[in-house]
Amino acid sequence: RTRSSGTRNDVSLNDARRQRHALAAALVVIVVWGANFSVQKYTMSTLTPGGFLFARYLLLPMAAVSLLLWYRRASLPPLTRADVWALARLGFFGHTVHVSMVTYGIHWSTAFSSSLILACGPIFTLLILRLQKVETLTRAQVGGVAIACVGVLVFLWDKLAAGRWQATGGDLFLLFASSFFAYYTVASKPLIQRLGTVNVMTWSTLLGAAPIVLLSLPAAVRVDWMSVPPSAWIALLWASLVSAFFGWLVWGWVNVVRGVARSAPLMYLMPPVAGVVAWLAADEQFTTLKLTGAAVTLGGVALAQFASPPGRPEREAPALVD
C-alpha cells in the first residue's frame, strides 16, 4: 500500500510539473506570437511583403519535410488521391490565401490592430459551423458576435474619422482573411482525426507553399538580397521558423498537456502583448477609444467562443497559420 501511495504521489508530482512547464511554454509562445507582428512589419519594410512571402515559403517547406521525415522515421506516409486533393484545398485556403492576405494586411495596418482583428477568427468559425448546421448558436453566442462587431467598429473609428484609408483597408483585409482561417480550422478537423495533426499541418504547408512561391517570385526578383541587413535575416528566421513553425509545435504540445479548454483563453493575451511590443519597438500610439474598442471586441469574441451549451465539447484552438 505504501509503495502504491508513493507511486501515485510521484505521478501527481510529475503531472503538476508538466502542467507548470506547459503553462510556461504557452506564455512564451504567446509572447513570441505577439511580438511577431512587429517583427514581420520590420522584415517587410526591408524585403517587401512579396519578398517576405517568397523567402518564408522556401524555409517552411524544408522545416515541414524535416518534421515528416523525423516523425515517420525517414519514410513519408502514404496518401490517397482524395487525401491529396483535400490537403491541397486546405493548403490553398490556409496558406496561399490566408497567409498571403494576412501578410499584406499586416503591412498596410499596424501591429496592434493586426493582432486584434485576427483574434476575431473564432467568430467566423462559429458562423461557418452554423451555416453547415453543425452547431446551433446560443443567445449568449449571438450576443457575443454582436458585441464583437460593435467593438471592431469602435476600434476602427479613429482611423475612419482621420481618413487613414490604407490602415483601415488593411484591417478590413485582415478581417476578411480571418474567414479563410476559420474555414481552415473547420475543414482540417476531420482530416486531423483521420491522418493525424503532423501529417495534415505539414502536407498542407507543402501543398500551399508552391503557389505562394510562384506568385511572389516577381516581387522576390526585385529585392536586392545582397544588401539585406543581418537584422532582417534574423527577423525572417524568427517569423518563419521560431514563431510559425516551432511556435505551432510547442502550442500543439501545450494543448495535449493542458487541454484545449485551458489553453484557448491564453490566446486573448496576444493582442495586449502585440500592443506593448509595438509601443516599445515602433512607438505605436493608442487612444482611449481604440483601447475601449479592443476590450469590447475581445470580450465579445470570448463570449461567443466559450458560451457553448453545457456538455458540448470545447472547440479546438489551433495554432495561428500566419
C-alpha atoms as a PDB file:
ATOM      1  CA  ARG A   1       0.000   0.000   0.000  1.00  0.00           C
ATOM      2  CA  THR A   2       2.873   2.394   0.882  1.00  0.00           C
ATOM      3  CA  ARG A   3       4.600   1.658  -2.423  1.00  0.00           C
ATOM      4  CA  SER A   4       1.317   2.229  -4.313  1.00  0.00           C
ATOM      5  CA  SER A   5       0.758   5.526  -2.484  1.00  0.00           C
ATOM      6  CA  GLY A   6       4.308   6.604  -3.273  1.00  0.00           C
ATOM      7  CA  THR A   7       3.812   5.785  -6.951  1.00  0.00           C
ATOM      8  CA  ARG A   8       0.613   7.852  -7.071  1.00  0.00           C
ATOM      9  CA  ASN A   9       2.384  10.771  -5.394  1.00  0.00           C
ATOM     10  CA  ASP A  10       5.223  10.553  -7.915  1.00  0.00           C
ATOM     11  CA  VAL A  11       2.741  10.554 -10.814  1.00  0.00           C
ATOM     12  CA  SER A  12       0.892  13.509  -9.279  1.00  0.00           C
ATOM     13  CA  LEU A  13       4.130  15.455  -8.838  1.00  0.00           C
ATOM     14  CA  ASN A  14       5.220  14.672 -12.394  1.00  0.00           C
ATOM     15  CA  ASP A  15       1.843  15.766 -13.744  1.00  0.00           C
ATOM     16  CA  ALA A  16       1.956  19.003 -11.744  1.00  0.00           C
ATOM     17  CA  ARG A  17       5.480  19.654 -13.055  1.00  0.00           C
ATOM     18  CA  ARG A  18       4.338  19.057 -16.649  1.00  0.00           C
ATOM     19  CA  GLN A  19       1.408  21.413 -16.126  1.00  0.00           C
ATOM     20  CA  ARG A  20       3.747  24.153 -14.889  1.00  0.00           C
ATOM     21  CA  HIS A  21       6.134  23.583 -17.785  1.00  0.00           C
ATOM     22  CA  ALA A  22       3.243  23.632 -20.270  1.00  0.00           C
ATOM     23  CA  LEU A  23       1.892  26.888 -18.831  1.00  0.00           C
ATOM     24  CA  ALA A  24       5.346  28.483 -19.005  1.00  0.00           C
ATOM     25  CA  ALA A  25       5.778  27.252 -22.587  1.00  0.00           C
ATOM     26  CA  ALA A  26       2.327  28.588 -23.541  1.00  0.00           C
ATOM     27  CA  LEU A  27       3.135  32.035 -22.161  1.00  0.00           C
ATOM     28  CA  VAL A  28       6.443  32.067 -24.038  1.00  0.00           C
ATOM     29  CA  VAL A  29       4.636  31.172 -27.277  1.00  0.00           C
ATOM     30  CA  ILE A  30       2.064  33.935 -26.691  1.00  0.00           C
ATOM     31  CA  VAL A  31       4.890  36.457 -26.241  1.00  0.00           C
ATOM     32  CA  VAL A  32       6.633  35.161 -29.385  1.00  0.00           C
ATOM     33  CA  TRP A  33       3.419  35.367 -31.429  1.00  0.00           C
ATOM     34  CA  GLY A  34       2.542  38.796 -30.038  1.00  0.00           C
ATOM     35  CA  ALA A  35       5.997  40.164 -30.848  1.00  0.00           C
ATOM     36  CA  ASN A  36       5.886  38.588 -34.289  1.00  0.00           C
ATOM     37  CA  PHE A  37       3.532  41.257 -35.643  1.00  0.00           C
ATOM     38  CA  SER A  38       6.197  43.928 -35.130  1.00  0.00           C
ATOM     39  CA  VAL A  39       8.910  41.546 -36.352  1.00  0.00           C
ATOM     40  CA  GLN A  40       7.001  40.922 -39.581  1.00  0.00           C
ATOM     41  CA  LYS A  41       6.435  44.633 -40.178  1.00  0.00           C
ATOM     42  CA  TYR A  42      10.165  45.282 -39.804  1.00  0.00           C
ATOM     43  CA  THR A  43      11.044  42.382 -42.117  1.00  0.00           C
ATOM     44  CA  MET A  44       8.609  43.564 -44.781  1.00  0.00           C
ATOM     45  CA  SER A  45       9.991  47.098 -44.617  1.00  0.00           C
ATOM     46  CA  THR A  46      13.230  45.610 -45.984  1.00  0.00           C
ATOM     47  CA  LEU A  47      12.085  42.660 -48.106  1.00  0.00           C
ATOM     48  CA  THR A  48       8.615  43.935 -49.171  1.00  0.00           C
ATOM     49  CA  PRO A  49       5.601  41.691 -48.456  1.00  0.00           C
ATOM     50  CA  GLY A  50       6.186  39.663 -51.636  1.00  0.00           C
ATOM     51  CA  GLY A  51       9.857  39.096 -50.885  1.00  0.00           C
ATOM     52  CA  PHE A  52       8.989  38.096 -47.327  1.00  0.00           C
ATOM     53  CA  LEU A  53       6.408  35.560 -48.524  1.00  0.00           C
ATOM     54  CA  PHE A  54       8.854  34.124 -51.069  1.00  0.00           C
ATOM     55  CA  ALA A  55      11.634  33.609 -48.514  1.00  0.00           C
ATOM     56  CA  ARG A  56       9.278  32.356 -45.821  1.00  0.00           C
ATOM     57  CA  TYR A  57       7.773  29.702 -48.047  1.00  0.00           C
ATOM     58  CA  LEU A  58      11.172  28.454 -49.091  1.00  0.00           C
ATOM     59  CA  LEU A  59      12.047  27.943 -45.422  1.00  0.00           C
ATOM     60  CA  LEU A  60       8.761  26.486 -44.134  1.00  0.00           C
ATOM     61  CA  PRO A  61       8.564  23.548 -46.597  1.00  0.00           C
ATOM     62  CA  MET A  62      12.111  22.490 -45.658  1.00  0.00           C
ATOM     63  CA  ALA A  63      11.124  22.525 -41.987  1.00  0.00           C
ATOM     64  CA  ALA A  64       7.894  20.633 -42.786  1.00  0.00           C
ATOM     65  CA  VAL A  65       9.736  17.913 -44.727  1.00  0.00           C
ATOM     66  CA  SER A  66      12.289  17.559 -41.907  1.00  0.00           C
ATOM     67  CA  LEU A  67       9.463  17.111 -39.421  1.00  0.00           C
ATOM     68  CA  LEU A  68       7.740  14.485 -41.580  1.00  0.00           C
ATOM     69  CA  LEU A  69      10.957  12.536 -42.039  1.00  0.00           C
ATOM     70  CA  TRP A  70      11.705  12.636 -38.330  1.00  0.00           C
ATOM     71  CA  TYR A  71       8.121  11.839 -37.333  1.00  0.00           C
ATOM     72  CA  ARG A  72       7.894   8.874 -39.696  1.00  0.00           C
ATOM     73  CA  ARG A  73      11.488   7.797 -39.256  1.00  0.00           C
ATOM     74  CA  ALA A  74      12.663   8.656 -42.776  1.00  0.00           C
ATOM     75  CA  SER A  75       9.547   7.451 -44.592  1.00  0.00           C
ATOM     76  CA  LEU A  76       6.729   9.646 -45.874  1.00  0.00           C
ATOM     77  CA  PRO A  77       3.165   8.499 -45.072  1.00  0.00           C
ATOM     78  CA  PRO A  78       1.062   7.176 -47.987  1.00  0.00           C
ATOM     79  CA  LEU A  79      -1.802   9.376 -49.130  1.00  0.00           C
ATOM     80  CA  THR A  80      -4.742   8.558 -51.344  1.00  0.00           C
ATOM     81  CA  ARG A  81      -5.672  10.806 -54.271  1.00  0.00           C
ATOM     82  CA  ALA A  82      -8.667  12.071 -52.293  1.00  0.00           C
ATOM     83  CA  ASP A  83      -6.358  12.922 -49.373  1.00  0.00           C
ATOM     84  CA  VAL A  84      -4.043  14.889 -51.655  1.00  0.00           C
ATOM     85  CA  TRP A  85      -6.917  16.939 -53.076  1.00  0.00           C
ATOM     86  CA  ALA A  86      -8.336  17.619 -49.611  1.00  0.00           C
ATOM     87  CA  LEU A  87      -4.921  18.668 -48.280  1.00  0.00           C
ATOM     88  CA  ALA A  88      -4.320  20.797 -51.382  1.00  0.00           C
ATOM     89  CA  ARG A  89      -7.586  22.682 -50.730  1.00  0.00           C
ATOM     90  CA  LEU A  90      -6.599  23.094 -47.115  1.00  0.00           C
ATOM     91  CA  GLY A  91      -3.162  24.381 -48.106  1.00  0.00           C
ATOM     92  CA  PHE A  92      -4.663  26.759 -50.667  1.00  0.00           C
ATOM     93  CA  PHE A  93      -7.118  28.403 -48.261  1.00  0.00           C
ATOM     94  CA  GLY A  94      -4.959  28.157 -45.129  1.00  0.00           C
ATOM     95  CA  HIS A  95      -1.635  29.207 -46.647  1.00  0.00           C
ATOM     96  CA  THR A  96      -1.906  30.528 -50.206  1.00  0.00           C
ATOM     97  CA  VAL A  97      -4.940  32.717 -49.488  1.00  0.00           C
ATOM     98  CA  HIS A  98      -4.968  33.287 -45.718  1.00  0.00           C
ATOM     99  CA  VAL A  99      -1.264  33.831 -45.066  1.00  0.00           C
ATOM    100  CA  SER A 100      -0.813  35.963 -48.190  1.00  0.00           C
ATOM    101  CA  MET A 101      -3.727  38.190 -47.186  1.00  0.00           C
ATOM    102  CA  VAL A 102      -2.530  38.417 -43.593  1.00  0.00           C
ATOM    103  CA  THR A 103       0.971  39.370 -44.722  1.00  0.00           C
ATOM    104  CA  TYR A 104      -0.255  42.278 -46.841  1.00  0.00           C
ATOM    105  CA  GLY A 105      -2.836  43.244 -44.210  1.00  0.00           C
ATOM    106  CA  ILE A 106      -0.155  43.496 -41.504  1.00  0.00           C
ATOM    107  CA  HIS A 107       1.995  45.543 -43.893  1.00  0.00           C
ATOM    108  CA  TRP A 108      -0.846  48.034 -44.515  1.00  0.00           C
ATOM    109  CA  SER A 109      -2.085  48.133 -40.915  1.00  0.00           C
ATOM    110  CA  THR A 110      -0.333  48.365 -37.534  1.00  0.00           C
ATOM    111  CA  ALA A 111       0.957  45.568 -35.303  1.00  0.00           C
ATOM    112  CA  PHE A 112      -1.637  46.051 -32.539  1.00  0.00           C
ATOM    113  CA  SER A 113      -4.548  46.431 -34.965  1.00  0.00           C
ATOM    114  CA  SER A 114      -3.481  43.296 -36.849  1.00  0.00           C
ATOM    115  CA  SER A 115      -3.354  41.180 -33.698  1.00  0.00           C
ATOM    116  CA  LEU A 116      -6.749  42.426 -32.523  1.00  0.00           C
ATOM    117  CA  ILE A 117      -8.510  41.889 -35.854  1.00  0.00           C
ATOM    118  CA  LEU A 118      -7.060  38.393 -36.286  1.00  0.00           C
ATOM    119  CA  ALA A 119      -8.306  37.492 -32.803  1.00  0.00           C
ATOM    120  CA  CYS A 120     -11.828  37.666 -34.297  1.00  0.00           C
ATOM    121  CA  GLY A 121     -11.249  34.335 -36.087  1.00  0.00           C
ATOM    122  CA  PRO A 122     -13.452  32.280 -33.697  1.00  0.00           C
ATOM    123  CA  ILE A 123     -16.437  34.433 -34.739  1.00  0.00           C
ATOM    124  CA  PHE A 124     -16.126  33.233 -38.335  1.00  0.00           C
ATOM    125  CA  THR A 125     -15.589  29.655 -37.162  1.00  0.00           C
ATOM    126  CA  LEU A 126     -18.903  29.797 -35.290  1.00  0.00           C
ATOM    127  CA  LEU A 127     -20.697  31.275 -38.300  1.00  0.00           C
ATOM    128  CA  ILE A 128     -19.330  28.593 -40.640  1.00  0.00           C
ATOM    129  CA  LEU A 129     -20.406  25.835 -38.238  1.00  0.00           C
ATOM    130  CA  ARG A 130     -23.845  27.441 -38.042  1.00  0.00           C
ATOM    131  CA  LEU A 131     -24.139  27.638 -41.843  1.00  0.00           C
ATOM    132  CA  GLN A 132     -23.124  23.978 -42.085  1.00  0.00           C
ATOM    133  CA  LYS A 133     -25.771  23.194 -39.433  1.00  0.00           C
ATOM    134  CA  VAL A 134     -23.115  21.586 -37.258  1.00  0.00           C
ATOM    135  CA  GLU A 135     -23.888  23.869 -34.326  1.00  0.00           C
ATOM    136  CA  THR A 136     -26.800  25.990 -33.142  1.00  0.00           C
ATOM    137  CA  LEU A 137     -25.749  29.307 -31.637  1.00  0.00           C
ATOM    138  CA  THR A 138     -26.994  30.148 -28.153  1.00  0.00           C
ATOM    139  CA  ARG A 139     -28.348  33.598 -27.347  1.00  0.00           C
ATOM    140  CA  ALA A 140     -25.136  34.346 -25.478  1.00  0.00           C
ATOM    141  CA  GLN A 141     -23.078  33.420 -28.539  1.00  0.00           C
ATOM    142  CA  VAL A 142     -25.220  35.603 -30.819  1.00  0.00           C
ATOM    143  CA  GLY A 143     -24.782  38.408 -28.307  1.00  0.00           C
ATOM    144  CA  GLY A 144     -21.033  37.816 -28.306  1.00  0.00           C
ATOM    145  CA  VAL A 145     -20.914  38.104 -32.096  1.00  0.00           C
ATOM    146  CA  ALA A 146     -22.875  41.375 -31.959  1.00  0.00           C
ATOM    147  CA  ILE A 147     -20.645  42.777 -29.204  1.00  0.00           C
ATOM    148  CA  ALA A 148     -17.505  41.862 -31.161  1.00  0.00           C
ATOM    149  CA  CYS A 149     -18.851  43.610 -34.290  1.00  0.00           C
ATOM    150  CA  VAL A 150     -19.583  46.772 -32.292  1.00  0.00           C
ATOM    151  CA  GLY A 151     -16.108  46.563 -30.745  1.00  0.00           C
ATOM    152  CA  VAL A 152     -14.461  46.349 -34.168  1.00  0.00           C
ATOM    153  CA  LEU A 153     -16.388  49.417 -35.344  1.00  0.00           C
ATOM    154  CA  VAL A 154     -15.322  51.360 -32.239  1.00  0.00           C
ATOM    155  CA  PHE A 155     -11.740  50.137 -32.695  1.00  0.00           C
ATOM    156  CA  LEU A 156     -11.651  51.319 -36.331  1.00  0.00           C
ATOM    157  CA  TRP A 157     -13.499  54.584 -35.745  1.00  0.00           C
ATOM    158  CA  ASP A 158     -10.468  56.823 -35.168  1.00  0.00           C
ATOM    159  CA  LYS A 159      -8.886  55.625 -38.442  1.00  0.00           C
ATOM    160  CA  LEU A 160     -12.129  56.149 -40.338  1.00  0.00           C
ATOM    161  CA  ALA A 161     -12.589  59.613 -38.841  1.00  0.00           C
ATOM    162  CA  ALA A 162      -8.997  60.569 -39.705  1.00  0.00           C
ATOM    163  CA  GLY A 163      -9.308  59.257 -43.257  1.00  0.00           C
ATOM    164  CA  ARG A 164      -6.498  56.720 -42.828  1.00  0.00           C
ATOM    165  CA  TRP A 165      -7.821  54.545 -45.614  1.00  0.00           C
ATOM    166  CA  GLN A 166      -4.747  52.332 -46.086  1.00  0.00           C
ATOM    167  CA  ALA A 167      -4.668  51.303 -42.421  1.00  0.00           C
ATOM    168  CA  THR A 168      -8.453  50.863 -42.378  1.00  0.00           C
ATOM    169  CA  GLY A 169      -8.292  48.838 -45.588  1.00  0.00           C
ATOM    170  CA  GLY A 170      -5.559  46.698 -44.053  1.00  0.00           C
ATOM    171  CA  ASP A 171      -7.736  45.981 -41.015  1.00  0.00           C
ATOM    172  CA  LEU A 172     -10.746  45.060 -43.164  1.00  0.00           C
ATOM    173  CA  PHE A 173      -8.473  42.916 -45.337  1.00  0.00           C
ATOM    174  CA  LEU A 174      -7.308  41.093 -42.191  1.00  0.00           C
ATOM    175  CA  LEU A 175     -10.900  40.653 -41.048  1.00  0.00           C
ATOM    176  CA  PHE A 176     -11.740  39.031 -44.374  1.00  0.00           C
ATOM    177  CA  ALA A 177      -8.594  36.875 -44.110  1.00  0.00           C
ATOM    178  CA  SER A 178      -9.823  35.601 -40.736  1.00  0.00           C
ATOM    179  CA  SER A 179     -12.756  33.957 -42.501  1.00  0.00           C
ATOM    180  CA  PHE A 180     -10.360  31.804 -44.528  1.00  0.00           C
ATOM    181  CA  PHE A 181      -8.540  30.696 -41.391  1.00  0.00           C
ATOM    182  CA  ALA A 182     -11.932  29.835 -39.896  1.00  0.00           C
ATOM    183  CA  TYR A 183     -12.594  27.633 -42.939  1.00  0.00           C
ATOM    184  CA  TYR A 184      -9.136  26.103 -42.474  1.00  0.00           C
ATOM    185  CA  THR A 185      -9.951  25.345 -38.832  1.00  0.00           C
ATOM    186  CA  VAL A 186     -13.276  23.663 -39.644  1.00  0.00           C
ATOM    187  CA  ALA A 187     -12.056  21.773 -42.734  1.00  0.00           C
ATOM    188  CA  SER A 188      -8.887  20.483 -41.060  1.00  0.00           C
ATOM    189  CA  LYS A 189     -10.657  18.787 -38.137  1.00  0.00           C
ATOM    190  CA  PRO A 190     -11.879  15.606 -39.928  1.00  0.00           C
ATOM    191  CA  LEU A 191      -8.532  15.295 -41.739  1.00  0.00           C
ATOM    192  CA  ILE A 192      -6.617  15.638 -38.469  1.00  0.00           C
ATOM    193  CA  GLN A 193      -8.801  12.976 -36.869  1.00  0.00           C
ATOM    194  CA  ARG A 194      -8.054  10.578 -39.730  1.00  0.00           C
ATOM    195  CA  LEU A 195      -4.480  11.421 -40.747  1.00  0.00           C
ATOM    196  CA  GLY A 196      -3.025  12.980 -37.616  1.00  0.00           C
ATOM    197  CA  THR A 197      -2.034  16.546 -36.768  1.00  0.00           C
ATOM    198  CA  VAL A 198       1.551  16.417 -38.028  1.00  0.00           C
ATOM    199  CA  ASN A 199       0.610  14.898 -41.380  1.00  0.00           C
ATOM    200  CA  VAL A 200      -2.162  17.413 -42.050  1.00  0.00           C
ATOM    201  CA  MET A 201      -0.264  20.512 -40.991  1.00  0.00           C
ATOM    202  CA  THR A 202       2.954  19.629 -42.798  1.00  0.00           C
ATOM    203  CA  TRP A 203       1.321  18.412 -46.025  1.00  0.00           C
ATOM    204  CA  SER A 204      -0.970  21.436 -46.191  1.00  0.00           C
ATOM    205  CA  THR A 205       2.102  23.639 -45.753  1.00  0.00           C
ATOM    206  CA  LEU A 206       3.931  21.841 -48.562  1.00  0.00           C
ATOM    207  CA  LEU A 207       0.981  21.950 -50.964  1.00  0.00           C
ATOM    208  CA  GLY A 208       0.097  25.547 -50.145  1.00  0.00           C
ATOM    209  CA  ALA A 209       3.677  26.772 -50.481  1.00  0.00           C
ATOM    210  CA  ALA A 210       4.125  26.196 -54.220  1.00  0.00           C
ATOM    211  CA  PRO A 211       1.522  28.790 -55.377  1.00  0.00           C
ATOM    212  CA  ILE A 212       2.887  31.355 -52.914  1.00  0.00           C
ATOM    213  CA  VAL A 213       6.457  30.919 -54.163  1.00  0.00           C
ATOM    214  CA  LEU A 214       5.337  31.240 -57.791  1.00  0.00           C
ATOM    215  CA  LEU A 215       3.098  34.266 -57.183  1.00  0.00           C
ATOM    216  CA  SER A 216       5.679  36.090 -55.064  1.00  0.00           C
ATOM    217  CA  LEU A 217       8.619  35.342 -57.396  1.00  0.00           C
ATOM    218  CA  PRO A 218       8.341  38.657 -59.356  1.00  0.00           C
ATOM    219  CA  ALA A 219       8.496  40.626 -56.081  1.00  0.00           C
ATOM    220  CA  ALA A 220      11.392  38.494 -54.843  1.00  0.00           C
ATOM    221  CA  VAL A 221      13.379  39.171 -58.031  1.00  0.00           C
ATOM    222  CA  ARG A 222      13.169  42.926 -57.345  1.00  0.00           C
ATOM    223  CA  VAL A 223      14.662  42.555 -53.844  1.00  0.00           C
ATOM    224  CA  ASP A 224      18.399  43.275 -53.538  1.00  0.00           C
ATOM    225  CA  TRP A 225      19.124  40.249 -51.378  1.00  0.00           C
ATOM    226  CA  MET A 226      22.836  41.006 -51.078  1.00  0.00           C
ATOM    227  CA  SER A 227      22.101  44.297 -49.322  1.00  0.00           C
ATOM    228  CA  VAL A 228      19.609  42.855 -46.813  1.00  0.00           C
ATOM    229  CA  PRO A 229      20.996  43.635 -43.322  1.00  0.00           C
ATOM    230  CA  PRO A 230      21.679  40.821 -40.821  1.00  0.00           C
ATOM    231  CA  SER A 231      18.869  42.087 -38.579  1.00  0.00           C
ATOM    232  CA  ALA A 232      16.335  41.486 -41.372  1.00  0.00           C
ATOM    233  CA  TRP A 233      17.649  37.943 -41.932  1.00  0.00           C
ATOM    234  CA  ILE A 234      17.297  37.260 -38.201  1.00  0.00           C
ATOM    235  CA  ALA A 235      13.772  38.696 -38.260  1.00  0.00           C
ATOM    236  CA  LEU A 236      12.912  36.493 -41.261  1.00  0.00           C
ATOM    237  CA  LEU A 237      14.146  33.359 -39.464  1.00  0.00           C
ATOM    238  CA  TRP A 238      12.264  34.395 -36.339  1.00  0.00           C
ATOM    239  CA  ALA A 239       8.983  34.938 -38.182  1.00  0.00           C
ATOM    240  CA  SER A 240       9.288  31.815 -40.348  1.00  0.00           C
ATOM    241  CA  LEU A 241      10.777  29.210 -38.029  1.00  0.00           C
ATOM    242  CA  VAL A 242      10.650  30.360 -34.402  1.00  0.00           C
ATOM    243  CA  SER A 243       7.146  31.872 -34.486  1.00  0.00           C
ATOM    244  CA  ALA A 244       5.347  29.973 -37.245  1.00  0.00           C
ATOM    245  CA  PHE A 245       6.967  26.509 -37.154  1.00  0.00           C
ATOM    246  CA  PHE A 246       8.297  25.882 -33.642  1.00  0.00           C
ATOM    247  CA  GLY A 247       5.523  28.010 -32.133  1.00  0.00           C
ATOM    248  CA  TRP A 248       2.944  25.680 -33.680  1.00  0.00           C
ATOM    249  CA  LEU A 249       4.790  22.570 -32.418  1.00  0.00           C
ATOM    250  CA  VAL A 250       5.010  23.895 -28.870  1.00  0.00           C
ATOM    251  CA  TRP A 251       1.376  25.031 -28.875  1.00  0.00           C
ATOM    252  CA  GLY A 252       0.288  21.573 -30.004  1.00  0.00           C
ATOM    253  CA  TRP A 253       2.151  20.037 -27.052  1.00  0.00           C
ATOM    254  CA  VAL A 254       0.595  22.607 -24.693  1.00  0.00           C
ATOM    255  CA  ASN A 255      -2.903  21.633 -25.886  1.00  0.00           C
ATOM    256  CA  VAL A 256      -2.117  17.963 -25.226  1.00  0.00           C
ATOM    257  CA  VAL A 257      -0.844  18.599 -21.683  1.00  0.00           C
ATOM    258  CA  ARG A 258      -3.214  21.356 -20.533  1.00  0.00           C
ATOM    259  CA  GLY A 259      -6.213  20.595 -22.723  1.00  0.00           C
ATOM    260  CA  VAL A 260      -7.826  22.918 -25.256  1.00  0.00           C
ATOM    261  CA  ALA A 261     -10.302  24.399 -22.759  1.00  0.00           C
ATOM    262  CA  ARG A 262      -7.479  25.677 -20.538  1.00  0.00           C
ATOM    263  CA  SER A 263      -5.176  26.737 -23.395  1.00  0.00           C
ATOM    264  CA  ALA A 264      -7.597  28.683 -25.607  1.00  0.00           C
ATOM    265  CA  PRO A 265      -8.175  31.614 -23.176  1.00  0.00           C
ATOM    266  CA  LEU A 266      -4.436  32.347 -23.215  1.00  0.00           C
ATOM    267  CA  MET A 267      -4.791  33.419 -26.869  1.00  0.00           C
ATOM    268  CA  TYR A 268      -6.523  36.592 -25.663  1.00  0.00           C
ATOM    269  CA  LEU A 269      -3.236  37.714 -24.122  1.00  0.00           C
ATOM    270  CA  MET A 270      -1.711  38.023 -27.606  1.00  0.00           C
ATOM    271  CA  PRO A 271      -3.198  41.419 -28.618  1.00  0.00           C
ATOM    272  CA  PRO A 272      -2.008  43.100 -25.376  1.00  0.00           C
ATOM    273  CA  VAL A 273       1.464  41.621 -25.906  1.00  0.00           C
ATOM    274  CA  ALA A 274       1.452  42.803 -29.533  1.00  0.00           C
ATOM    275  CA  GLY A 275       0.405  46.275 -28.379  1.00  0.00           C
ATOM    276  CA  VAL A 276       3.155  46.550 -25.757  1.00  0.00           C
ATOM    277  CA  VAL A 277       5.832  45.355 -28.196  1.00  0.00           C
ATOM    278  CA  ALA A 278       4.581  47.732 -30.906  1.00  0.00           C
ATOM    279  CA  TRP A 279       4.632  50.619 -28.408  1.00  0.00           C
ATOM    280  CA  LEU A 280       8.195  49.792 -27.287  1.00  0.00           C
ATOM    281  CA  ALA A 281       9.623  48.918 -30.720  1.00  0.00           C
ATOM    282  CA  ALA A 282       7.743  51.219 -33.091  1.00  0.00           C
ATOM    283  CA  ASP A 283       6.241  53.865 -30.784  1.00  0.00           C
ATOM    284  CA  GLU A 284       2.713  52.878 -31.838  1.00  0.00           C
ATOM    285  CA  GLN A 285       0.186  55.100 -30.088  1.00  0.00           C
ATOM    286  CA  PHE A 286      -3.193  54.047 -28.647  1.00  0.00           C
ATOM    287  CA  THR A 287      -6.167  56.289 -27.970  1.00  0.00           C
ATOM    288  CA  THR A 288      -8.717  55.615 -25.239  1.00  0.00           C
ATOM    289  CA  LEU A 289     -11.300  54.915 -27.948  1.00  0.00           C
ATOM    290  CA  LYS A 290      -9.048  52.307 -29.591  1.00  0.00           C
ATOM    291  CA  LEU A 291      -8.309  50.544 -26.302  1.00  0.00           C
ATOM    292  CA  THR A 292     -12.017  50.537 -25.429  1.00  0.00           C
ATOM    293  CA  GLY A 293     -12.871  49.054 -28.816  1.00  0.00           C
ATOM    294  CA  ALA A 294     -10.194  46.403 -28.367  1.00  0.00           C
ATOM    295  CA  ALA A 295     -11.524  45.406 -24.939  1.00  0.00           C
ATOM    296  CA  VAL A 296     -15.120  45.226 -26.212  1.00  0.00           C
ATOM    297  CA  THR A 297     -14.044  43.174 -29.245  1.00  0.00           C
ATOM    298  CA  LEU A 298     -12.069  40.631 -27.209  1.00  0.00           C
ATOM    299  CA  GLY A 299     -14.904  40.359 -24.692  1.00  0.00           C
ATOM    300  CA  GLY A 300     -17.417  39.679 -27.454  1.00  0.00           C
ATOM    301  CA  VAL A 301     -15.163  37.076 -29.113  1.00  0.00           C
ATOM    302  CA  ALA A 302     -14.578  35.333 -25.780  1.00  0.00           C
ATOM    303  CA  LEU A 303     -18.315  35.257 -25.045  1.00  0.00           C
ATOM    304  CA  ALA A 304     -19.099  33.853 -28.489  1.00  0.00           C
ATOM    305  CA  GLN A 305     -16.353  31.238 -28.255  1.00  0.00           C
ATOM    306  CA  PHE A 306     -16.922  29.937 -24.736  1.00  0.00           C
ATOM    307  CA  ALA A 307     -20.671  30.360 -24.168  1.00  0.00           C
ATOM    308  CA  SER A 308     -21.409  26.875 -25.510  1.00  0.00           C
ATOM    309  CA  PRO A 309     -24.304  24.831 -24.092  1.00  0.00           C
ATOM    310  CA  PRO A 310     -23.392  22.505 -21.190  1.00  0.00           C
ATOM    311  CA  GLY A 311     -21.972  19.193 -22.338  1.00  0.00           C
ATOM    312  CA  ARG A 312     -20.768  20.429 -25.721  1.00  0.00           C
ATOM    313  CA  PRO A 313     -17.056  19.621 -26.175  1.00  0.00           C
ATOM    314  CA  GLU A 314     -14.657  22.551 -26.284  1.00  0.00           C
ATOM    315  CA  ARG A 315     -13.707  23.650 -29.772  1.00  0.00           C
ATOM    316  CA  GLU A 316     -10.056  23.309 -30.591  1.00  0.00           C
ATOM    317  CA  ALA A 317      -7.915  26.432 -30.567  1.00  0.00           C
ATOM    318  CA  PRO A 318      -5.444  25.757 -33.352  1.00  0.00           C
ATOM    319  CA  ALA A 319      -2.151  27.500 -33.721  1.00  0.00           C
ATOM    320  CA  LEU A 320      -2.056  30.507 -35.972  1.00  0.00           C
ATOM    321  CA  VAL A 321      -1.024  29.945 -39.541  1.00  0.00           C
ATOM    322  CA  ASP A 322       0.240  33.449 -40.179  1.00  0.00           C
END
